Amino acid sequence: MAIRKKSFTVKTKIHEKSEKIQGATWSLTEGRLLPTIHFTGIYISPSPKTSPREIKDFYYKLNKPFHAPSPPTSMRRYSDHNHLYTGDLNAQTGTEIEKHISHAEKTPPRKGDPSHTPSVNTPSGQSKISAQALGRLLLDFLEPNSPLILNERFQKPSDPILYTTKYNTIVDCFILPKTLLSEVTHCTAYPDSWKNILALIRFARKK
């Protein structure tokens, strides 16, 4: 994660650090007027050596320290904490809507990718992992604290699907609490953007 130098006080918590699963939360604070912003970065390998049990245990650990946003009041417009998740989850969720969304909620639908759906059932502890199984595990992870997958929620029906890789799949996700959705105006995916970021870094160094 990159931030402007001396702009925030940053605390780091490592949740998992292995070749198969990685996770860390950075908590950013700046004075008393702004909320504490928590960014959790996640990587889950698509390797068949990664077991569903390991992923379930990892997601369980991530849900425990979740910082739910407090509702705004007349004295304080913003919540005390905002918690966002992002990363390369190698999970295919298709067009499936999160189960915690009720019919009464005015939540924009998620266009998603209808050709890459999650598995119907949650994979068992030692079953073979796949992008479809990872999608089901991700959707299960969202249930306890009710965050939303932001990808594809601001697309028009006529807009193309915003794939996140050159292989026409969506495996990178940006996830945030439902209460913060009203603050978002758009969400754009940049396929294989890590190549462009590296190019920008090289260009900056040359200057």
Protein backbone atom coordinates (compact mmCIF):
# COMPACT_ATOMS: atom_id res chain seq x y z
CA MET A 1 0.00 0.00 0.00
CA ALA A 2 1.29 3.47 -0.91
CA ILE A 3 0.30 6.64 0.94
CA ARG A 4 1.57 10.21 0.98
CA LYS A 5 4.56 10.58 3.27
CA LYS A 6 3.76 11.91 6.78
CA SER A 7 0.01 12.10 6.00
CA PHE A 8 -1.18 9.28 8.29
CA THR A 9 -0.10 7.26 11.25
CA VAL A 10 -0.12 3.64 10.09
CA LYS A 11 -0.42 0.47 12.16
CA THR A 12 0.07 -2.90 10.50
CA LYS A 13 -1.37 -6.27 11.51
CA ILE A 14 -0.28 -9.41 9.66
CA HIS A 15 -3.03 -12.05 9.59
CA GLU A 16 -1.36 -14.68 7.43
CA LYS A 17 1.94 -14.91 5.58
CA SER A 18 2.53 -17.99 3.44
CA GLU A 19 2.89 -18.85 -0.22
CA LYS A 20 -0.75 -19.91 -0.43
CA ILE A 21 -2.55 -17.31 1.70
CA GLN A 22 -1.55 -13.78 2.64
CA GLY A 23 -3.42 -11.11 4.53
CA ALA A 24 -2.63 -7.87 6.33
CA THR A 25 -4.57 -4.89 7.68
CA TRP A 26 -3.24 -1.34 7.64
CA SER A 27 -5.02 1.08 9.98
CA LEU A 28 -4.62 4.75 9.04
CA THR A 29 -5.31 7.56 11.49
CA GLU A 30 -5.00 11.33 11.10
CA GLY A 31 -6.14 13.50 13.99
CA ARG A 32 -9.57 13.37 15.64
CA LEU A 33 -11.75 14.69 12.81
CA LEU A 34 -11.30 11.91 10.28
CA PRO A 35 -12.29 8.27 10.74
CA THR A 36 -9.74 5.54 11.16
CA ILE A 37 -9.48 3.78 7.80
CA HIS A 38 -8.67 0.08 7.82
CA PHE A 39 -7.45 -1.53 4.59
CA THR A 40 -7.19 -5.30 4.53
CA GLY A 41 -5.18 -6.70 1.63
CA ILE A 42 -5.74 -10.34 0.68
CA TYR A 43 -4.10 -12.87 -1.61
CA ILE A 44 -5.38 -16.43 -1.96
CA SER A 45 -3.55 -18.80 -4.28
CA PRO A 46 -5.57 -20.81 -6.82
CA SER A 47 -3.18 -23.71 -6.27
CA PRO A 48 -4.90 -27.06 -5.65
CA LYS A 49 -2.58 -27.38 -2.65
CA THR A 50 -4.65 -24.73 -0.89
CA SER A 51 -7.39 -26.50 1.06
CA PRO A 52 -10.89 -25.11 1.75
CA ARG A 53 -10.24 -25.62 5.47
CA GLU A 54 -7.24 -23.28 5.35
CA ILE A 55 -9.27 -20.62 3.56
CA LYS A 56 -12.22 -20.94 5.95
CA ASP A 57 -9.88 -20.54 8.93
CA PHE A 58 -8.27 -17.51 7.29
CA TYR A 59 -11.60 -15.81 6.57
CA TYR A 60 -12.69 -16.54 10.14
CA LYS A 61 -9.63 -14.68 11.40
CA LEU A 62 -10.42 -11.72 9.12
CA ASN A 63 -14.01 -11.45 10.31
CA LYS A 64 -13.09 -11.23 14.00
CA PRO A 65 -11.31 -7.83 13.86
CA PHE A 66 -13.82 -6.27 11.42
CA HIS A 67 -14.45 -2.60 12.23
CA ALA A 68 -18.12 -1.90 11.55
CA PRO A 69 -18.85 1.73 10.62
CA SER A 70 -20.84 3.64 13.21
CA PRO A 71 -23.92 5.43 11.80
CA PRO A 72 -23.57 9.21 11.30
CA THR A 73 -25.14 11.54 13.84
CA SER A 74 -26.02 15.24 14.00
CA MET A 75 -22.73 15.80 15.82
CA ARG A 76 -20.57 13.62 13.61
CA ARG A 77 -21.18 13.21 9.90
CA TYR A 78 -18.72 10.36 9.41
CA SER A 79 -18.32 7.05 11.18
CA ASP A 80 -15.40 6.42 13.52
CA HIS A 81 -14.10 3.51 11.45
CA ASN A 82 -14.19 2.53 7.78
CA HIS A 83 -13.02 -0.98 6.89
CA LEU A 84 -12.27 -1.94 3.28
CA TYR A 85 -11.06 -5.22 1.79
CA THR A 86 -9.24 -5.61 -1.48
CA GLY A 87 -6.99 -8.10 -3.17
CA ASP A 88 -6.42 -10.98 -5.53
CA LEU A 89 -8.84 -13.59 -4.27
CA ASN A 90 -8.92 -15.76 -7.41
CA ALA A 91 -12.64 -16.14 -6.72
CA GLN A 92 -15.40 -16.28 -9.30
CA THR A 93 -18.73 -15.02 -7.95
CA GLY A 94 -20.60 -14.58 -11.22
CA THR A 95 -23.79 -12.57 -10.85
CA GLU A 96 -24.77 -14.02 -7.48
CA ILE A 97 -26.02 -11.42 -5.03
CA GLU A 98 -24.81 -11.46 -1.43
CA LYS A 99 -27.34 -13.27 0.75
CA HIS A 100 -27.40 -10.57 3.41
CA ILE A 101 -29.01 -8.05 1.02
CA SER A 102 -32.73 -7.73 1.69
CA HIS A 103 -35.42 -6.82 -0.84
CA ALA A 104 -36.11 -3.61 1.08
CA GLU A 105 -32.56 -2.34 0.62
CA LYS A 106 -31.93 -0.09 -2.36
CA THR A 107 -28.61 -1.70 -3.26
CA PRO A 108 -27.45 -1.36 -6.88
CA PRO A 109 -27.39 -4.78 -8.55
CA ARG A 110 -24.01 -6.29 -9.37
CA LYS A 111 -23.72 -7.02 -13.07
CA GLY A 112 -20.98 -9.59 -12.56
CA ASP A 113 -19.77 -12.18 -15.03
CA PRO A 114 -22.48 -14.76 -15.83
CA SER A 115 -19.98 -17.15 -17.39
CA HIS A 116 -17.96 -17.60 -14.19
CA THR A 117 -20.32 -18.60 -11.39
CA PRO A 118 -19.40 -19.83 -7.88
CA SER A 119 -19.91 -23.42 -6.85
CA VAL A 120 -23.40 -24.25 -5.61
CA ASN A 121 -22.24 -25.65 -2.27
CA THR A 122 -19.49 -24.68 0.15
CA PRO A 123 -16.51 -26.98 -0.46
CA SER A 124 -15.66 -29.45 2.29
CA GLY A 125 -12.47 -29.27 4.33
CA GLN A 126 -10.10 -31.21 2.06
CA SER A 127 -11.84 -31.05 -1.33
CA LYS A 128 -10.03 -29.75 -4.40
CA ILE A 129 -9.94 -25.98 -4.67
CA SER A 130 -11.06 -24.07 -7.78
CA ALA A 131 -12.01 -20.52 -8.75
CA GLN A 132 -15.67 -21.54 -8.37
CA ALA A 133 -15.05 -22.97 -4.89
CA LEU A 134 -13.13 -19.83 -3.92
CA GLY A 135 -16.12 -17.77 -5.07
CA ARG A 136 -18.45 -19.69 -2.75
CA LEU A 137 -16.03 -19.32 0.16
CA LEU A 138 -15.80 -15.56 -0.49
CA LEU A 139 -19.59 -15.16 -0.50
CA ASP A 140 -19.77 -17.15 2.77
CA PHE A 141 -17.11 -14.84 4.24
CA LEU A 142 -19.32 -11.80 3.56
CA GLU A 143 -22.29 -13.05 5.59
CA PRO A 144 -21.32 -12.30 9.24
CA ASN A 145 -20.49 -8.59 8.77
CA SER A 146 -22.51 -7.85 5.61
CA PRO A 147 -19.99 -6.07 3.38
CA LEU A 148 -20.56 -5.80 -0.39
CA ILE A 149 -18.49 -6.66 -3.43
CA LEU A 150 -18.22 -3.30 -5.17
CA ASN A 151 -17.12 -4.61 -8.58
CA GLU A 152 -19.76 -4.17 -11.30
CA ARG A 153 -22.31 -2.33 -9.10
CA PHE A 154 -22.19 0.90 -11.09
CA GLN A 155 -22.34 -0.52 -14.60
CA LYS A 156 -25.11 0.21 -17.08
CA PRO A 157 -26.78 -2.85 -18.68
CA SER A 158 -25.16 -1.88 -21.98
CA ASP A 159 -21.66 -1.52 -20.50
CA PRO A 160 -19.13 -4.31 -21.10
CA ILE A 161 -18.09 -6.52 -18.21
CA LEU A 162 -15.05 -5.07 -16.45
CA TYR A 163 -12.75 -8.05 -16.36
CA THR A 164 -9.74 -7.83 -14.08
CA THR A 165 -7.43 -10.11 -16.07
CA LYS A 166 -6.60 -10.57 -19.75
CA TYR A 167 -8.15 -14.05 -19.48
CA ASN A 168 -11.64 -12.49 -19.24
CA THR A 169 -12.28 -13.30 -15.60
CA ILE A 170 -13.00 -11.28 -12.48
CA VAL A 171 -10.77 -12.47 -9.64
CA ASP A 172 -9.74 -9.17 -8.00
CA CYS A 173 -12.33 -7.66 -5.68
CA PHE A 174 -12.95 -4.44 -3.78
CA ILE A 175 -15.21 -4.98 -0.76
CA LEU A 176 -16.73 -2.40 1.58
CA PRO A 177 -19.48 -2.10 4.23
CA LYS A 178 -23.02 -1.48 2.99
CA THR A 179 -23.26 1.76 4.95
CA LEU A 180 -20.45 3.28 2.86
CA LEU A 181 -22.07 2.51 -0.49
CA SER A 182 -23.81 5.89 -0.64
CA GLU A 183 -20.38 7.56 -0.62
CA VAL A 184 -19.25 5.75 -3.79
CA THR A 185 -19.89 7.25 -7.21
CA HIS A 186 -18.11 4.76 -9.49
CA CYS A 187 -15.80 1.75 -9.47
CA THR A 188 -13.53 1.00 -12.43
CA ALA A 189 -11.44 -2.09 -13.09
CA TYR A 190 -8.11 -1.87 -14.89
CA PRO A 191 -7.14 -5.27 -16.35
CA ASP A 192 -3.55 -6.28 -15.56
CA SER A 193 -2.95 -2.81 -14.10
CA TRP A 194 0.10 -3.99 -12.15
CA LYS A 195 2.08 -3.71 -15.41
CA ASN A 196 1.10 -0.05 -15.80
CA ILE A 197 1.88 0.70 -12.16
CA LEU A 198 5.39 -0.69 -12.58
CA ALA A 199 5.84 1.42 -15.71
CA LEU A 200 4.79 4.55 -13.81
CA ILE A 201 7.27 3.77 -11.06
CA ARG A 202 10.07 3.34 -13.57
CA PHE A 203 9.10 6.61 -15.27
CA ALA A 204 9.07 8.45 -11.95
CA ARG A 205 12.54 7.19 -11.10
CA LYS A 206 13.93 8.36 -14.44
CA LYS A 207 12.70 11.87 -13.73
